[in-house]
Amino acid sequence: MPAENAPVAGNLDDDDYPAYTMGRAADVLGITPAFLRALGEAELITPLRSEGGHRRYSRQQLRRAARARELVDQGTPIEAACRIISLEDQLDDALRLNRQMRRKLDADGANT
């Protein structure tokens, strides 16, 4: 079933589903809408837009925003916080790929 026809309840388990309005996201995180807009301007998160043009955020985006807030609260400038988070994400991806490749190599070695 195409995503646009998927039941809404099924989307609630999807970390990438834009379920949160800007106001609700700000409330959940204890931040201001301006902080969320700044994260968007810094291209750390790119909210989806509703048909009416309102920003919508996913849980995955909220986690990134929470991490940014943590770094900013520690005195890190917002631009640097966004770069740190991007680098952390790249490292996580590289480590995940490394684990997958090691498992594949181990499996190939066991089959030889």
C-alpha atoms as a PDB file:
ATOM      1  CA  MET A   1       0.000   0.000   0.000  1.00  0.00           C
ATOM      2  CA  PRO A   2       1.453   3.426  -0.901  1.00  0.00           C
ATOM      3  CA  ALA A   3       2.513   5.573   2.056  1.00  0.00           C
ATOM      4  CA  GLU A   4      -0.143   8.190   1.336  1.00  0.00           C
ATOM      5  CA  ASN A   5      -2.826   5.476   1.664  1.00  0.00           C
ATOM      6  CA  ALA A   6      -1.325   3.810   4.754  1.00  0.00           C
ATOM      7  CA  PRO A   7      -3.480   3.831   7.876  1.00  0.00           C
ATOM      8  CA  VAL A   8      -2.601   6.707  10.202  1.00  0.00           C
ATOM      9  CA  ALA A   9      -2.336   4.391  13.232  1.00  0.00           C
ATOM     10  CA  GLY A  10       0.410   2.445  11.423  1.00  0.00           C
ATOM     11  CA  ASN A  11       2.369   5.651  10.926  1.00  0.00           C
ATOM     12  CA  LEU A  12       2.514   6.334  14.648  1.00  0.00           C
ATOM     13  CA  ASP A  13       5.171   3.632  15.057  1.00  0.00           C
ATOM     14  CA  ASP A  14       7.252   5.169  12.264  1.00  0.00           C
ATOM     15  CA  ASP A  15      10.087   7.352  13.646  1.00  0.00           C
ATOM     16  CA  ASP A  16      10.107   9.303  10.380  1.00  0.00           C
ATOM     17  CA  TYR A  17       6.370  10.069  10.333  1.00  0.00           C
ATOM     18  CA  PRO A  18       5.840  13.852  10.793  1.00  0.00           C
ATOM     19  CA  ALA A  19       3.331  13.596  13.639  1.00  0.00           C
ATOM     20  CA  TYR A  20       4.271  16.707  15.627  1.00  0.00           C
ATOM     21  CA  THR A  21       3.288  20.287  14.906  1.00  0.00           C
ATOM     22  CA  MET A  22       5.874  22.946  15.608  1.00  0.00           C
ATOM     23  CA  GLY A  23       4.104  24.017  18.803  1.00  0.00           C
ATOM     24  CA  ARG A  24       3.743  20.453  20.093  1.00  0.00           C
ATOM     25  CA  ALA A  25       7.366  19.629  19.212  1.00  0.00           C
ATOM     26  CA  ALA A  26       8.576  22.740  21.045  1.00  0.00           C
ATOM     27  CA  ASP A  27       6.442  21.848  24.082  1.00  0.00           C
ATOM     28  CA  VAL A  28       7.651  18.241  24.161  1.00  0.00           C
ATOM     29  CA  LEU A  29      11.289  19.351  24.027  1.00  0.00           C
ATOM     30  CA  GLY A  30      10.953  22.403  26.241  1.00  0.00           C
ATOM     31  CA  ILE A  31      12.326  24.680  23.530  1.00  0.00           C
ATOM     32  CA  THR A  32      10.970  27.581  21.514  1.00  0.00           C
ATOM     33  CA  PRO A  33       9.603  27.403  17.983  1.00  0.00           C
ATOM     34  CA  ALA A  34      12.393  29.830  17.074  1.00  0.00           C
ATOM     35  CA  PHE A  35      14.961  27.205  18.113  1.00  0.00           C
ATOM     36  CA  LEU A  36      13.281  24.667  15.825  1.00  0.00           C
ATOM     37  CA  ARG A  37      13.299  27.188  12.974  1.00  0.00           C
ATOM     38  CA  ALA A  38      17.012  27.832  13.608  1.00  0.00           C
ATOM     39  CA  LEU A  39      17.717  24.102  13.360  1.00  0.00           C
ATOM     40  CA  GLY A  40      15.870  24.087  10.055  1.00  0.00           C
ATOM     41  CA  GLU A  41      17.863  27.066   8.795  1.00  0.00           C
ATOM     42  CA  ALA A  42      21.066  25.272   9.829  1.00  0.00           C
ATOM     43  CA  GLU A  43      19.763  22.258   7.838  1.00  0.00           C
ATOM     44  CA  LEU A  44      19.989  19.903  10.809  1.00  0.00           C
ATOM     45  CA  ILE A  45      16.338  19.012  10.431  1.00  0.00           C
ATOM     46  CA  THR A  46      14.001  19.610   7.516  1.00  0.00           C
ATOM     47  CA  PRO A  47      10.398  19.480   8.651  1.00  0.00           C
ATOM     48  CA  LEU A  48       7.763  18.328   6.249  1.00  0.00           C
ATOM     49  CA  ARG A  49       4.999  20.761   5.436  1.00  0.00           C
ATOM     50  CA  SER A  50       1.301  20.078   5.857  1.00  0.00           C
ATOM     51  CA  GLU A  51      -1.095  20.937   3.050  1.00  0.00           C
ATOM     52  CA  GLY A  52      -1.583  24.276   4.813  1.00  0.00           C
ATOM     53  CA  GLY A  53       2.185  24.902   4.855  1.00  0.00           C
ATOM     54  CA  HIS A  54       2.696  24.221   8.577  1.00  0.00           C
ATOM     55  CA  ARG A  55       5.862  22.500   9.744  1.00  0.00           C
ATOM     56  CA  ARG A  56       5.557  18.886  10.938  1.00  0.00           C
ATOM     57  CA  TYR A  57       8.292  17.010  12.795  1.00  0.00           C
ATOM     58  CA  SER A  58       9.049  13.322  13.267  1.00  0.00           C
ATOM     59  CA  ARG A  59      10.315  11.616  16.417  1.00  0.00           C
ATOM     60  CA  GLN A  60      13.676  11.164  14.742  1.00  0.00           C
ATOM     61  CA  GLN A  61      13.838  14.926  14.130  1.00  0.00           C
ATOM     62  CA  LEU A  62      12.817  15.585  17.731  1.00  0.00           C
ATOM     63  CA  ARG A  63      15.711  13.426  18.950  1.00  0.00           C
ATOM     64  CA  ARG A  64      18.123  15.454  16.804  1.00  0.00           C
ATOM     65  CA  ALA A  65      16.621  18.705  18.107  1.00  0.00           C
ATOM     66  CA  ALA A  66      16.939  17.454  21.703  1.00  0.00           C
ATOM     67  CA  ARG A  67      20.608  16.611  21.100  1.00  0.00           C
ATOM     68  CA  ALA A  68      21.164  20.083  19.631  1.00  0.00           C
ATOM     69  CA  ARG A  69      19.530  21.648  22.664  1.00  0.00           C
ATOM     70  CA  GLU A  70      21.777  19.615  24.946  1.00  0.00           C
ATOM     71  CA  LEU A  71      24.897  20.856  23.144  1.00  0.00           C
ATOM     72  CA  VAL A  72      23.684  24.469  23.031  1.00  0.00           C
ATOM     73  CA  ASP A  73      22.885  24.320  26.748  1.00  0.00           C
ATOM     74  CA  GLN A  74      26.520  23.267  27.295  1.00  0.00           C
ATOM     75  CA  GLY A  75      27.677  26.430  25.513  1.00  0.00           C
ATOM     76  CA  THR A  76      28.178  25.115  21.993  1.00  0.00           C
ATOM     77  CA  PRO A  77      27.133  27.569  19.268  1.00  0.00           C
ATOM     78  CA  ILE A  78      24.139  26.290  17.310  1.00  0.00           C
ATOM     79  CA  GLU A  79      26.072  25.966  14.033  1.00  0.00           C
ATOM     80  CA  ALA A  80      28.764  23.901  15.761  1.00  0.00           C
ATOM     81  CA  ALA A  81      26.116  21.787  17.527  1.00  0.00           C
ATOM     82  CA  CYS A  82      24.504  21.007  14.182  1.00  0.00           C
ATOM     83  CA  ARG A  83      27.870  20.035  12.691  1.00  0.00           C
ATOM     84  CA  ILE A  84      28.646  17.802  15.689  1.00  0.00           C
ATOM     85  CA  ILE A  85      25.308  16.026  15.326  1.00  0.00           C
ATOM     86  CA  SER A  86      25.846  15.539  11.592  1.00  0.00           C
ATOM     87  CA  LEU A  87      29.272  14.051  12.281  1.00  0.00           C
ATOM     88  CA  GLU A  88      27.830  11.809  15.008  1.00  0.00           C
ATOM     89  CA  ASP A  89      25.257  10.560  12.502  1.00  0.00           C
ATOM     90  CA  GLN A  90      27.960   9.890   9.913  1.00  0.00           C
ATOM     91  CA  LEU A  91      29.988   7.969  12.487  1.00  0.00           C
ATOM     92  CA  ASP A  92      26.946   5.891  13.489  1.00  0.00           C
ATOM     93  CA  ASP A  93      26.313   5.065   9.827  1.00  0.00           C
ATOM     94  CA  ALA A  94      29.951   4.098   9.261  1.00  0.00           C
ATOM     95  CA  LEU A  95      30.005   1.880  12.367  1.00  0.00           C
ATOM     96  CA  ARG A  96      26.756   0.184  11.316  1.00  0.00           C
ATOM     97  CA  LEU A  97      28.155  -0.472   7.831  1.00  0.00           C
ATOM     98  CA  ASN A  98      31.379  -1.782   9.349  1.00  0.00           C
ATOM     99  CA  ARG A  99      29.426  -4.250  11.534  1.00  0.00           C
ATOM    100  CA  GLN A 100      27.404  -5.417   8.525  1.00  0.00           C
ATOM    101  CA  MET A 101      30.541  -5.958   6.468  1.00  0.00           C
ATOM    102  CA  ARG A 102      32.235  -7.856   9.296  1.00  0.00           C
ATOM    103  CA  ARG A 103      29.198 -10.137   9.661  1.00  0.00           C
ATOM    104  CA  LYS A 104      29.206 -10.758   5.911  1.00  0.00           C
ATOM    105  CA  LEU A 105      32.927 -11.504   5.905  1.00  0.00           C
ATOM    106  CA  ASP A 106      32.526 -13.830   8.894  1.00  0.00           C
ATOM    107  CA  ALA A 107      29.630 -15.643   7.197  1.00  0.00           C
ATOM    108  CA  ASP A 108      31.555 -15.921   3.921  1.00  0.00           C
ATOM    109  CA  GLY A 109      34.582 -17.275   5.801  1.00  0.00           C
ATOM    110  CA  ALA A 110      32.443 -19.867   7.610  1.00  0.00           C
ATOM    111  CA  ASN A 111      31.015 -21.065   4.277  1.00  0.00           C
ATOM    112  CA  THR A 112      34.433 -21.556   2.696  1.00  0.00           C
END
